[in-house]
Amino acid sequence: YNPRFCGLLLGVALLFFGHNTVTNFMINVVRSVGGNETSMGWLNAFMAATEIPIMFLYDRLTRRVKCPTTVRFAGIMFAVKAAAFVLALNMLGLCGACALQSLSFALLIPASVRYVNLYIAPADCAKGQALIAGMTSLGSIFASFVGGMLYDVTSVRITLLVGLAAAAVGAVLCQIGTVRE
């Protein structure tokens, strides 16, 4: 039993709840600022393109910055990205929010793998990786269920604020749940 890691796992689930509250329902967010399906396609392609350099350069980055620091920073950036979506009033604002994908999602994915390999006992590494992946899925499932209901009964803005709240709590848990070096 590793209470610190359990906190990190809960934090990851909350980060991915906030993240998927946007990405699972991106068309709602895009339409709320006057965009359409084509705009959404461009935004999704842009987000994917921003991820690639960070993921490829992650090994180089960790030569200068410790792994727990990258996990904590990515957690904060998930909350910042969620706030940027709340504040976006037009397609340019959404593009700016999507650019933060590189510092949140694209950073947390390799950082979480490395973190488990470095700070979880070797006999438990596969279990740790499975738990991290499970928490990303759990966050997505709850975002689909709760987010869908929120989009149906409230506004896009209120739903995004709920996602921001979850991401902010998740970021705090990532700060607490990571090893200090």
N, C-alpha and C. Protein backbone atom coordinates (compact mmCIF):
# COMPACT_ATOMS: atom_id res chain seq x y z
N TYR A 1 0.85 -1.19 0.00
CA TYR A 1 0.00 0.00 0.00
C TYR A 1 0.88 1.24 0.00
N ASN A 2 0.65 2.14 -0.94
CA ASN A 2 1.45 3.33 -1.10
C ASN A 2 0.51 4.55 -1.14
N PRO A 3 0.27 5.18 0.02
CA PRO A 3 -0.71 6.28 0.04
C PRO A 3 -0.35 7.44 -0.88
N ARG A 4 0.93 7.74 -1.00
CA ARG A 4 1.34 8.83 -1.88
C ARG A 4 0.96 8.50 -3.33
N PHE A 5 1.25 7.29 -3.75
CA PHE A 5 0.92 6.88 -5.12
C PHE A 5 -0.60 6.84 -5.32
N CYS A 6 -1.34 6.45 -4.30
CA CYS A 6 -2.81 6.46 -4.39
C CYS A 6 -3.32 7.88 -4.61
N GLY A 7 -2.70 8.84 -3.95
CA GLY A 7 -3.06 10.24 -4.17
C GLY A 7 -2.77 10.67 -5.59
N LEU A 8 -1.62 10.26 -6.10
CA LEU A 8 -1.27 10.57 -7.48
C LEU A 8 -2.28 9.94 -8.43
N LEU A 9 -2.67 8.70 -8.16
CA LEU A 9 -3.65 8.03 -9.02
C LEU A 9 -4.98 8.78 -9.05
N LEU A 10 -5.45 9.20 -7.89
CA LEU A 10 -6.69 9.96 -7.84
C LEU A 10 -6.53 11.29 -8.58
N GLY A 11 -5.37 11.91 -8.42
CA GLY A 11 -5.09 13.15 -9.14
C GLY A 11 -5.14 12.96 -10.64
N VAL A 12 -4.56 11.87 -11.14
CA VAL A 12 -4.58 11.59 -12.58
C VAL A 12 -6.01 11.38 -13.06
N ALA A 13 -6.81 10.66 -12.29
CA ALA A 13 -8.21 10.45 -12.68
C ALA A 13 -8.94 11.79 -12.79
N LEU A 14 -8.70 12.69 -11.85
CA LEU A 14 -9.36 13.99 -11.88
C LEU A 14 -8.84 14.86 -13.03
N LEU A 15 -7.55 14.79 -13.30
CA LEU A 15 -7.01 15.52 -14.45
C LEU A 15 -7.67 15.07 -15.74
N PHE A 16 -7.81 13.76 -15.87
CA PHE A 16 -8.40 13.22 -17.11
C PHE A 16 -9.91 13.43 -17.15
N PHE A 17 -10.55 13.55 -16.00
CA PHE A 17 -11.95 13.96 -16.00
C PHE A 17 -12.06 15.35 -16.62
N GLY A 18 -11.25 16.29 -16.12
CA GLY A 18 -11.27 17.65 -16.66
C GLY A 18 -10.91 17.69 -18.13
N HIS A 19 -9.89 16.94 -18.50
CA HIS A 19 -9.43 16.89 -19.89
C HIS A 19 -10.52 16.35 -20.81
N ASN A 20 -11.12 15.25 -20.42
CA ASN A 20 -12.11 14.60 -21.29
C ASN A 20 -13.47 15.27 -21.25
N THR A 21 -13.72 16.10 -20.26
CA THR A 21 -14.93 16.90 -20.27
C THR A 21 -14.91 17.83 -21.48
N VAL A 22 -13.72 18.22 -21.90
CA VAL A 22 -13.57 19.03 -23.11
C VAL A 22 -13.47 18.12 -24.34
N THR A 23 -12.51 17.22 -24.35
CA THR A 23 -12.21 16.49 -25.60
C THR A 23 -13.32 15.53 -26.02
N ASN A 24 -14.01 14.91 -25.07
CA ASN A 24 -15.10 14.00 -25.45
C ASN A 24 -16.28 14.75 -26.05
N PHE A 25 -16.39 16.03 -25.74
CA PHE A 25 -17.52 16.84 -26.20
C PHE A 25 -17.02 18.10 -26.91
N MET A 26 -15.92 17.96 -27.62
CA MET A 26 -15.29 19.12 -28.26
C MET A 26 -16.26 19.88 -29.16
N ILE A 27 -17.16 19.19 -29.83
CA ILE A 27 -18.08 19.90 -30.73
C ILE A 27 -18.95 20.88 -29.95
N ASN A 28 -19.35 20.53 -28.74
CA ASN A 28 -20.15 21.45 -27.92
C ASN A 28 -19.35 22.70 -27.61
N VAL A 29 -18.08 22.51 -27.25
CA VAL A 29 -17.22 23.63 -26.89
C VAL A 29 -16.98 24.51 -28.12
N VAL A 30 -16.70 23.90 -29.24
CA VAL A 30 -16.43 24.64 -30.48
C VAL A 30 -17.66 25.43 -30.91
N ARG A 31 -18.82 24.80 -30.89
CA ARG A 31 -20.06 25.50 -31.29
C ARG A 31 -20.37 26.66 -30.35
N SER A 32 -19.98 26.53 -29.08
CA SER A 32 -20.30 27.60 -28.12
C SER A 32 -19.58 28.91 -28.44
N VAL A 33 -18.51 28.84 -29.24
CA VAL A 33 -17.79 30.06 -29.63
C VAL A 33 -17.94 30.35 -31.12
N GLY A 34 -18.90 29.68 -31.75
CA GLY A 34 -19.19 29.99 -33.15
C GLY A 34 -18.52 29.10 -34.18
N GLY A 35 -17.85 28.05 -33.74
CA GLY A 35 -17.18 27.15 -34.69
C GLY A 35 -18.12 26.06 -35.18
N ASN A 36 -17.57 25.18 -36.02
CA ASN A 36 -18.35 24.08 -36.58
C ASN A 36 -17.51 22.80 -36.60
N GLU A 37 -17.99 21.78 -37.30
CA GLU A 37 -17.30 20.50 -37.34
C GLU A 37 -15.91 20.63 -37.97
N THR A 38 -15.79 21.46 -38.97
CA THR A 38 -14.48 21.66 -39.61
C THR A 38 -13.50 22.30 -38.61
N SER A 39 -13.99 23.29 -37.89
CA SER A 39 -13.16 23.94 -36.87
C SER A 39 -12.69 22.93 -35.84
N MET A 40 -13.61 22.05 -35.42
CA MET A 40 -13.26 21.04 -34.44
C MET A 40 -12.18 20.10 -34.98
N GLY A 41 -12.31 19.71 -36.24
CA GLY A 41 -11.30 18.85 -36.85
C GLY A 41 -9.92 19.49 -36.86
N TRP A 42 -9.88 20.78 -37.20
CA TRP A 42 -8.61 21.49 -37.20
C TRP A 42 -8.02 21.60 -35.79
N LEU A 43 -8.88 21.87 -34.82
CA LEU A 43 -8.40 21.96 -33.43
C LEU A 43 -7.86 20.62 -32.94
N ASN A 44 -8.56 19.54 -33.25
CA ASN A 44 -8.08 18.22 -32.83
C ASN A 44 -6.75 17.88 -33.50
N ALA A 45 -6.62 18.21 -34.78
CA ALA A 45 -5.35 17.97 -35.49
C ALA A 45 -4.24 18.82 -34.89
N PHE A 46 -4.54 20.06 -34.55
CA PHE A 46 -3.56 20.95 -33.94
C PHE A 46 -3.10 20.40 -32.60
N MET A 47 -4.06 19.95 -31.77
CA MET A 47 -3.68 19.39 -30.46
C MET A 47 -2.77 18.18 -30.65
N ALA A 48 -3.12 17.30 -31.57
CA ALA A 48 -2.29 16.12 -31.80
C ALA A 48 -0.89 16.51 -32.26
N ALA A 49 -0.81 17.51 -33.13
CA ALA A 49 0.50 17.94 -33.64
C ALA A 49 1.36 18.55 -32.53
N THR A 50 0.73 19.22 -31.56
CA THR A 50 1.53 19.81 -30.49
C THR A 50 2.09 18.76 -29.54
N GLU A 51 1.46 17.60 -29.50
CA GLU A 51 1.91 16.54 -28.60
C GLU A 51 3.21 15.89 -29.06
N ILE A 52 3.38 15.76 -30.34
CA ILE A 52 4.47 14.96 -30.90
C ILE A 52 5.85 15.43 -30.45
N PRO A 53 6.19 16.72 -30.57
CA PRO A 53 7.55 17.13 -30.17
C PRO A 53 7.85 16.85 -28.69
N ILE A 54 6.89 17.12 -27.82
CA ILE A 54 7.12 16.91 -26.39
C ILE A 54 7.35 15.44 -26.10
N MET A 55 6.53 14.59 -26.69
CA MET A 55 6.69 13.15 -26.44
C MET A 55 8.03 12.64 -26.97
N PHE A 56 8.43 13.12 -28.14
CA PHE A 56 9.72 12.70 -28.70
C PHE A 56 10.90 13.22 -27.88
N LEU A 57 10.77 14.40 -27.33
CA LEU A 57 11.88 15.04 -26.63
C LEU A 57 11.85 14.82 -25.11
N TYR A 58 10.93 13.98 -24.64
CA TYR A 58 10.80 13.80 -23.19
C TYR A 58 12.10 13.30 -22.56
N ASP A 59 12.78 12.35 -23.18
CA ASP A 59 14.04 11.85 -22.62
C ASP A 59 15.05 12.97 -22.45
N ARG A 60 15.16 13.83 -23.44
CA ARG A 60 16.09 14.96 -23.33
C ARG A 60 15.69 15.90 -22.20
N LEU A 61 14.41 16.15 -22.09
CA LEU A 61 13.91 17.03 -21.05
C LEU A 61 14.27 16.51 -19.66
N THR A 62 14.15 15.21 -19.46
CA THR A 62 14.40 14.65 -18.12
C THR A 62 15.89 14.58 -17.80
N ARG A 63 16.73 14.90 -18.72
CA ARG A 63 18.16 15.04 -18.39
C ARG A 63 18.38 16.32 -17.59
N ARG A 64 17.49 17.28 -17.76
CA ARG A 64 17.61 18.58 -17.08
C ARG A 64 16.60 18.76 -15.95
N VAL A 65 15.45 18.10 -16.07
CA VAL A 65 14.37 18.27 -15.09
C VAL A 65 13.98 16.91 -14.55
N LYS A 66 13.89 16.79 -13.25
CA LYS A 66 13.55 15.52 -12.61
C LYS A 66 12.13 15.09 -12.97
N CYS A 67 11.92 13.79 -13.03
CA CYS A 67 10.64 13.23 -13.40
C CYS A 67 9.48 13.70 -12.52
N PRO A 68 9.61 13.68 -11.19
CA PRO A 68 8.49 14.16 -10.38
C PRO A 68 8.12 15.62 -10.68
N THR A 69 9.11 16.42 -11.02
CA THR A 69 8.84 17.81 -11.38
C THR A 69 8.01 17.88 -12.65
N THR A 70 8.30 17.03 -13.63
CA THR A 70 7.51 17.05 -14.86
C THR A 70 6.08 16.58 -14.60
N VAL A 71 5.90 15.61 -13.71
CA VAL A 71 4.54 15.17 -13.36
C VAL A 71 3.78 16.32 -12.70
N ARG A 72 4.42 16.99 -11.76
CA ARG A 72 3.75 18.10 -11.07
C ARG A 72 3.44 19.24 -12.03
N PHE A 73 4.40 19.57 -12.90
CA PHE A 73 4.18 20.64 -13.87
C PHE A 73 3.04 20.29 -14.82
N ALA A 74 3.02 19.06 -15.31
CA ALA A 74 1.95 18.64 -16.22
C ALA A 74 0.60 18.73 -15.53
N GLY A 75 0.55 18.35 -14.26
CA GLY A 75 -0.70 18.47 -13.51
C GLY A 75 -1.19 19.90 -13.45
N ILE A 76 -0.28 20.82 -13.17
CA ILE A 76 -0.65 22.24 -13.14
C ILE A 76 -1.13 22.68 -14.52
N MET A 77 -0.46 22.22 -15.56
CA MET A 77 -0.84 22.64 -16.91
C MET A 77 -2.20 22.09 -17.34
N PHE A 78 -2.59 20.94 -16.81
CA PHE A 78 -3.95 20.45 -17.06
C PHE A 78 -4.96 21.46 -16.51
N ALA A 79 -4.71 21.97 -15.31
CA ALA A 79 -5.61 22.96 -14.72
C ALA A 79 -5.57 24.27 -15.49
N VAL A 80 -4.39 24.69 -15.91
CA VAL A 80 -4.27 25.92 -16.70
C VAL A 80 -5.00 25.76 -18.03
N LYS A 81 -4.85 24.60 -18.66
CA LYS A 81 -5.55 24.35 -19.92
C LYS A 81 -7.05 24.37 -19.72
N ALA A 82 -7.54 23.77 -18.64
CA ALA A 82 -8.98 23.79 -18.35
C ALA A 82 -9.46 25.23 -18.16
N ALA A 83 -8.67 26.04 -17.47
CA ALA A 83 -9.02 27.46 -17.29
C ALA A 83 -9.04 28.19 -18.62
N ALA A 84 -8.09 27.87 -19.49
CA ALA A 84 -8.04 28.51 -20.81
C ALA A 84 -9.28 28.17 -21.63
N PHE A 85 -9.78 26.95 -21.51
CA PHE A 85 -11.01 26.60 -22.20
C PHE A 85 -12.20 27.38 -21.64
N VAL A 86 -12.24 27.54 -20.34
CA VAL A 86 -13.33 28.32 -19.73
C VAL A 86 -13.29 29.76 -20.23
N LEU A 87 -12.10 30.32 -20.35
CA LEU A 87 -11.94 31.72 -20.72
C LEU A 87 -12.02 31.97 -22.22
N ALA A 88 -11.93 30.93 -23.05
CA ALA A 88 -11.94 31.11 -24.50
C ALA A 88 -13.29 31.64 -24.97
N LEU A 89 -13.25 32.75 -25.67
CA LEU A 89 -14.48 33.38 -26.16
C LEU A 89 -14.66 33.23 -27.67
N ASN A 90 -13.62 32.73 -28.33
CA ASN A 90 -13.69 32.58 -29.79
C ASN A 90 -12.74 31.45 -30.21
N MET A 91 -12.66 31.21 -31.51
CA MET A 91 -11.82 30.11 -32.01
C MET A 91 -10.34 30.36 -31.72
N LEU A 92 -9.91 31.58 -31.76
CA LEU A 92 -8.51 31.88 -31.43
C LEU A 92 -8.21 31.51 -29.98
N GLY A 93 -9.15 31.82 -29.10
CA GLY A 93 -8.99 31.43 -27.69
C GLY A 93 -8.94 29.92 -27.53
N LEU A 94 -9.79 29.20 -28.26
CA LEU A 94 -9.75 27.73 -28.21
C LEU A 94 -8.43 27.20 -28.74
N CYS A 95 -7.90 27.84 -29.77
CA CYS A 95 -6.61 27.42 -30.32
C CYS A 95 -5.51 27.59 -29.26
N GLY A 96 -5.56 28.70 -28.54
CA GLY A 96 -4.59 28.91 -27.46
C GLY A 96 -4.72 27.86 -26.38
N ALA A 97 -5.95 27.53 -26.02
CA ALA A 97 -6.18 26.48 -25.01
C ALA A 97 -5.65 25.15 -25.50
N CYS A 98 -5.91 24.85 -26.77
CA CYS A 98 -5.45 23.58 -27.34
C CYS A 98 -3.92 23.49 -27.39
N ALA A 99 -3.26 24.63 -27.53
CA ALA A 99 -1.79 24.63 -27.56
C ALA A 99 -1.21 24.12 -26.24
N LEU A 100 -1.97 24.26 -25.17
CA LEU A 100 -1.50 23.79 -23.86
C LEU A 100 -1.53 22.27 -23.74
N GLN A 101 -2.06 21.61 -24.74
CA GLN A 101 -2.05 20.14 -24.78
C GLN A 101 -0.62 19.62 -24.69
N SER A 102 0.31 20.34 -25.30
CA SER A 102 1.71 19.90 -25.32
C SER A 102 2.34 19.90 -23.94
N LEU A 103 1.89 20.79 -23.08
CA LEU A 103 2.47 20.91 -21.74
C LEU A 103 1.68 20.16 -20.68
N SER A 104 0.55 19.61 -21.06
CA SER A 104 -0.28 18.87 -20.11
C SER A 104 -0.29 17.39 -20.50
N PHE A 105 -1.17 17.03 -21.39
CA PHE A 105 -1.34 15.63 -21.80
C PHE A 105 -0.03 15.03 -22.32
N ALA A 106 0.59 15.73 -23.28
CA ALA A 106 1.79 15.19 -23.92
C ALA A 106 2.96 15.03 -22.95
N LEU A 107 2.96 15.79 -21.90
CA LEU A 107 4.02 15.68 -20.89
C LEU A 107 3.69 14.63 -19.84
N LEU A 108 2.43 14.55 -19.45
CA LEU A 108 2.05 13.62 -18.39
C LEU A 108 2.15 12.16 -18.83
N ILE A 109 1.84 11.87 -20.06
CA ILE A 109 1.86 10.46 -20.51
C ILE A 109 3.25 9.84 -20.35
N PRO A 110 4.30 10.40 -20.94
CA PRO A 110 5.62 9.78 -20.72
C PRO A 110 6.12 9.95 -19.29
N ALA A 111 5.76 11.07 -18.65
CA ALA A 111 6.22 11.29 -17.28
C ALA A 111 5.64 10.25 -16.32
N SER A 112 4.39 9.89 -16.52
CA SER A 112 3.77 8.90 -15.62
C SER A 112 4.40 7.53 -15.80
N VAL A 113 4.75 7.18 -17.03
CA VAL A 113 5.43 5.90 -17.27
C VAL A 113 6.79 5.89 -16.58
N ARG A 114 7.56 6.95 -16.78
CA ARG A 114 8.88 7.03 -16.16
C ARG A 114 8.76 7.07 -14.65
N TYR A 115 7.78 7.81 -14.14
CA TYR A 115 7.59 7.93 -12.69
C TYR A 115 7.38 6.55 -12.06
N VAL A 116 6.50 5.78 -12.64
CA VAL A 116 6.24 4.43 -12.10
C VAL A 116 7.51 3.60 -12.15
N ASN A 117 8.24 3.67 -13.25
CA ASN A 117 9.47 2.88 -13.36
C ASN A 117 10.53 3.29 -12.35
N LEU A 118 10.55 4.57 -11.99
CA LEU A 118 11.56 5.05 -11.05
C LEU A 118 11.18 4.90 -9.58
N TYR A 119 9.89 5.05 -9.26
CA TYR A 119 9.50 5.19 -7.86
C TYR A 119 8.59 4.10 -7.32
N ILE A 120 8.25 3.16 -8.13
CA ILE A 120 7.46 2.01 -7.67
C ILE A 120 8.38 0.80 -7.67
N ALA A 121 8.25 -0.05 -6.68
CA ALA A 121 9.10 -1.24 -6.58
C ALA A 121 9.05 -2.03 -7.88
N PRO A 122 10.19 -2.53 -8.34
CA PRO A 122 10.24 -3.25 -9.62
C PRO A 122 9.19 -4.37 -9.74
N ALA A 123 8.92 -5.06 -8.65
CA ALA A 123 7.92 -6.14 -8.69
C ALA A 123 6.51 -5.60 -8.92
N ASP A 124 6.30 -4.30 -8.66
CA ASP A 124 4.97 -3.71 -8.80
C ASP A 124 4.84 -2.75 -9.98
N CYS A 125 5.87 -2.65 -10.82
CA CYS A 125 5.85 -1.69 -11.93
C CYS A 125 4.71 -1.95 -12.91
N ALA A 126 4.50 -3.18 -13.30
CA ALA A 126 3.42 -3.48 -14.25
C ALA A 126 2.07 -3.11 -13.64
N LYS A 127 1.91 -3.40 -12.37
CA LYS A 127 0.67 -3.03 -11.68
C LYS A 127 0.53 -1.51 -11.64
N GLY A 128 1.61 -0.81 -11.36
CA GLY A 128 1.58 0.65 -11.31
C GLY A 128 1.21 1.25 -12.66
N GLN A 129 1.80 0.71 -13.74
CA GLN A 129 1.46 1.19 -15.09
C GLN A 129 -0.01 0.94 -15.39
N ALA A 130 -0.49 -0.24 -15.01
CA ALA A 130 -1.90 -0.57 -15.24
C ALA A 130 -2.82 0.37 -14.45
N LEU A 131 -2.42 0.69 -13.23
CA LEU A 131 -3.24 1.60 -12.42
C LEU A 131 -3.28 3.01 -13.02
N ILE A 132 -2.15 3.50 -13.49
CA ILE A 132 -2.13 4.82 -14.14
C ILE A 132 -3.04 4.80 -15.36
N ALA A 133 -2.90 3.79 -16.22
CA ALA A 133 -3.75 3.69 -17.41
C ALA A 133 -5.22 3.58 -17.01
N GLY A 134 -5.48 2.82 -15.97
CA GLY A 134 -6.85 2.68 -15.49
C GLY A 134 -7.44 3.99 -15.01
N MET A 135 -6.62 4.81 -14.37
CA MET A 135 -7.11 6.10 -13.88
C MET A 135 -7.41 7.06 -15.03
N THR A 136 -6.60 7.00 -16.09
CA THR A 136 -6.91 7.84 -17.25
C THR A 136 -8.24 7.39 -17.86
N SER A 137 -8.46 6.09 -17.92
CA SER A 137 -9.72 5.57 -18.45
C SER A 137 -10.89 5.90 -17.53
N LEU A 138 -10.68 5.76 -16.23
CA LEU A 138 -11.74 6.08 -15.28
C LEU A 138 -12.14 7.56 -15.38
N GLY A 139 -11.16 8.43 -15.49
CA GLY A 139 -11.45 9.85 -15.67
C GLY A 139 -12.26 10.10 -16.93
N SER A 140 -11.92 9.39 -18.00
CA SER A 140 -12.65 9.54 -19.26
C SER A 140 -14.08 9.02 -19.16
N ILE A 141 -14.25 7.89 -18.49
CA ILE A 141 -15.59 7.32 -18.33
C ILE A 141 -16.48 8.27 -17.53
N PHE A 142 -15.97 8.78 -16.42
CA PHE A 142 -16.76 9.71 -15.62
C PHE A 142 -17.02 11.02 -16.36
N ALA A 143 -16.04 11.47 -17.15
CA ALA A 143 -16.25 12.67 -17.95
C ALA A 143 -17.35 12.44 -18.98
N SER A 144 -17.38 11.26 -19.57
CA SER A 144 -18.43 10.96 -20.54
C SER A 144 -19.80 10.94 -19.87
N PHE A 145 -19.89 10.30 -18.73
CA PHE A 145 -21.17 10.18 -18.04
C PHE A 145 -21.61 11.50 -17.43
N VAL A 146 -20.78 12.04 -16.56
CA VAL A 146 -21.13 13.28 -15.85
C VAL A 146 -21.12 14.46 -16.82
N GLY A 147 -20.10 14.53 -17.65
CA GLY A 147 -20.02 15.63 -18.61
C GLY A 147 -21.20 15.64 -19.56
N GLY A 148 -21.58 14.46 -20.04
CA GLY A 148 -22.74 14.38 -20.93
C GLY A 148 -24.00 14.90 -20.26
N MET A 149 -24.19 14.50 -19.02
CA MET A 149 -25.38 14.99 -18.29
C MET A 149 -25.30 16.51 -18.08
N LEU A 150 -24.11 16.99 -17.74
CA LEU A 150 -23.97 18.43 -17.52
C LEU A 150 -24.21 19.22 -18.80
N TYR A 151 -23.67 18.76 -19.91
CA TYR A 151 -23.91 19.45 -21.18
C TYR A 151 -25.40 19.45 -21.51
N ASP A 152 -26.11 18.39 -21.14
CA ASP A 152 -27.55 18.30 -21.42
C ASP A 152 -28.38 19.23 -20.55
N VAL A 153 -27.99 19.40 -19.28
CA VAL A 153 -28.87 20.14 -18.36
C VAL A 153 -28.34 21.52 -17.98
N THR A 154 -27.08 21.82 -18.29
CA THR A 154 -26.54 23.14 -17.98
C THR A 154 -25.91 23.71 -19.25
N SER A 155 -25.09 24.70 -19.08
CA SER A 155 -24.41 25.33 -20.22
C SER A 155 -23.01 24.74 -20.42
N VAL A 156 -22.44 25.06 -21.56
CA VAL A 156 -21.05 24.66 -21.84
C VAL A 156 -20.13 25.27 -20.79
N ARG A 157 -20.36 26.51 -20.47
CA ARG A 157 -19.49 27.20 -19.49
C ARG A 157 -19.51 26.53 -18.12
N ILE A 158 -20.69 26.17 -17.64
CA ILE A 158 -20.79 25.50 -16.34
C ILE A 158 -20.10 24.15 -16.39
N THR A 159 -20.28 23.43 -17.47
CA THR A 159 -19.62 22.12 -17.61
C THR A 159 -18.11 22.28 -17.61
N LEU A 160 -17.63 23.29 -18.33
CA LEU A 160 -16.18 23.54 -18.36
C LEU A 160 -15.67 23.96 -16.98
N LEU A 161 -16.48 24.69 -16.22
CA LEU A 161 -16.08 25.07 -14.86
C LEU A 161 -15.98 23.84 -13.96
N VAL A 162 -16.88 22.88 -14.13
CA VAL A 162 -16.79 21.63 -13.36
C VAL A 162 -15.51 20.89 -13.73
N GLY A 163 -15.20 20.84 -15.03
CA GLY A 163 -13.95 20.22 -15.47
C GLY A 163 -12.73 20.93 -14.91
N LEU A 164 -12.79 22.26 -14.86
CA LEU A 164 -11.69 23.05 -14.28
C LEU A 164 -11.53 22.72 -12.80
N ALA A 165 -12.63 22.63 -12.08
CA ALA A 165 -12.55 22.30 -10.65
C ALA A 165 -11.90 20.94 -10.44
N ALA A 166 -12.31 19.96 -11.24
CA ALA A 166 -11.72 18.63 -11.13
C ALA A 166 -10.23 18.66 -11.46
N ALA A 167 -9.86 19.37 -12.52
CA ALA A 167 -8.44 19.46 -12.91
C ALA A 167 -7.62 20.16 -11.84
N ALA A 168 -8.20 21.18 -11.21
CA ALA A 168 -7.47 21.91 -10.16
C ALA A 168 -7.22 21.00 -8.96
N VAL A 169 -8.22 20.24 -8.54
CA VAL A 169 -8.04 19.29 -7.43
C VAL A 169 -7.04 18.21 -7.84
N GLY A 170 -7.14 17.74 -9.08
CA GLY A 170 -6.19 16.75 -9.58
C GLY A 170 -4.76 17.28 -9.57
N ALA A 171 -4.59 18.54 -9.94
CA ALA A 171 -3.25 19.14 -9.93
C ALA A 171 -2.69 19.19 -8.52
N VAL A 172 -3.53 19.54 -7.56
CA VAL A 172 -3.08 19.58 -6.16
C VAL A 172 -2.67 18.18 -5.70
N LEU A 173 -3.48 17.19 -6.05
CA LEU A 173 -3.15 15.81 -5.66
C LEU A 173 -1.85 15.34 -6.33
N CYS A 174 -1.58 15.79 -7.54
CA CYS A 174 -0.31 15.44 -8.19
C CYS A 174 0.87 16.09 -7.47
N GLN A 175 0.65 17.29 -6.93
CA GLN A 175 1.72 17.95 -6.16
C GLN A 175 2.01 17.14 -4.89
N ILE A 176 0.96 16.70 -4.23
CA ILE A 176 1.09 15.98 -2.97
C ILE A 176 1.56 14.54 -3.20
N GLY A 177 1.10 13.94 -4.30
CA GLY A 177 1.32 12.51 -4.51
C GLY A 177 2.63 12.12 -5.15
N THR A 178 3.47 13.09 -5.48
CA THR A 178 4.74 12.76 -6.12
C THR A 178 5.89 12.88 -5.11
N VAL A 179 6.90 12.09 -5.35
CA VAL A 179 8.09 12.07 -4.51
C VAL A 179 8.83 13.40 -4.67
N ARG A 180 9.33 13.93 -3.58
CA ARG A 180 10.15 15.16 -3.62
C ARG A 180 11.61 14.74 -3.71
N GLU A 181 12.29 15.33 -4.67
CA GLU A 181 13.73 15.03 -4.82
C GLU A 181 14.55 16.24 -4.49
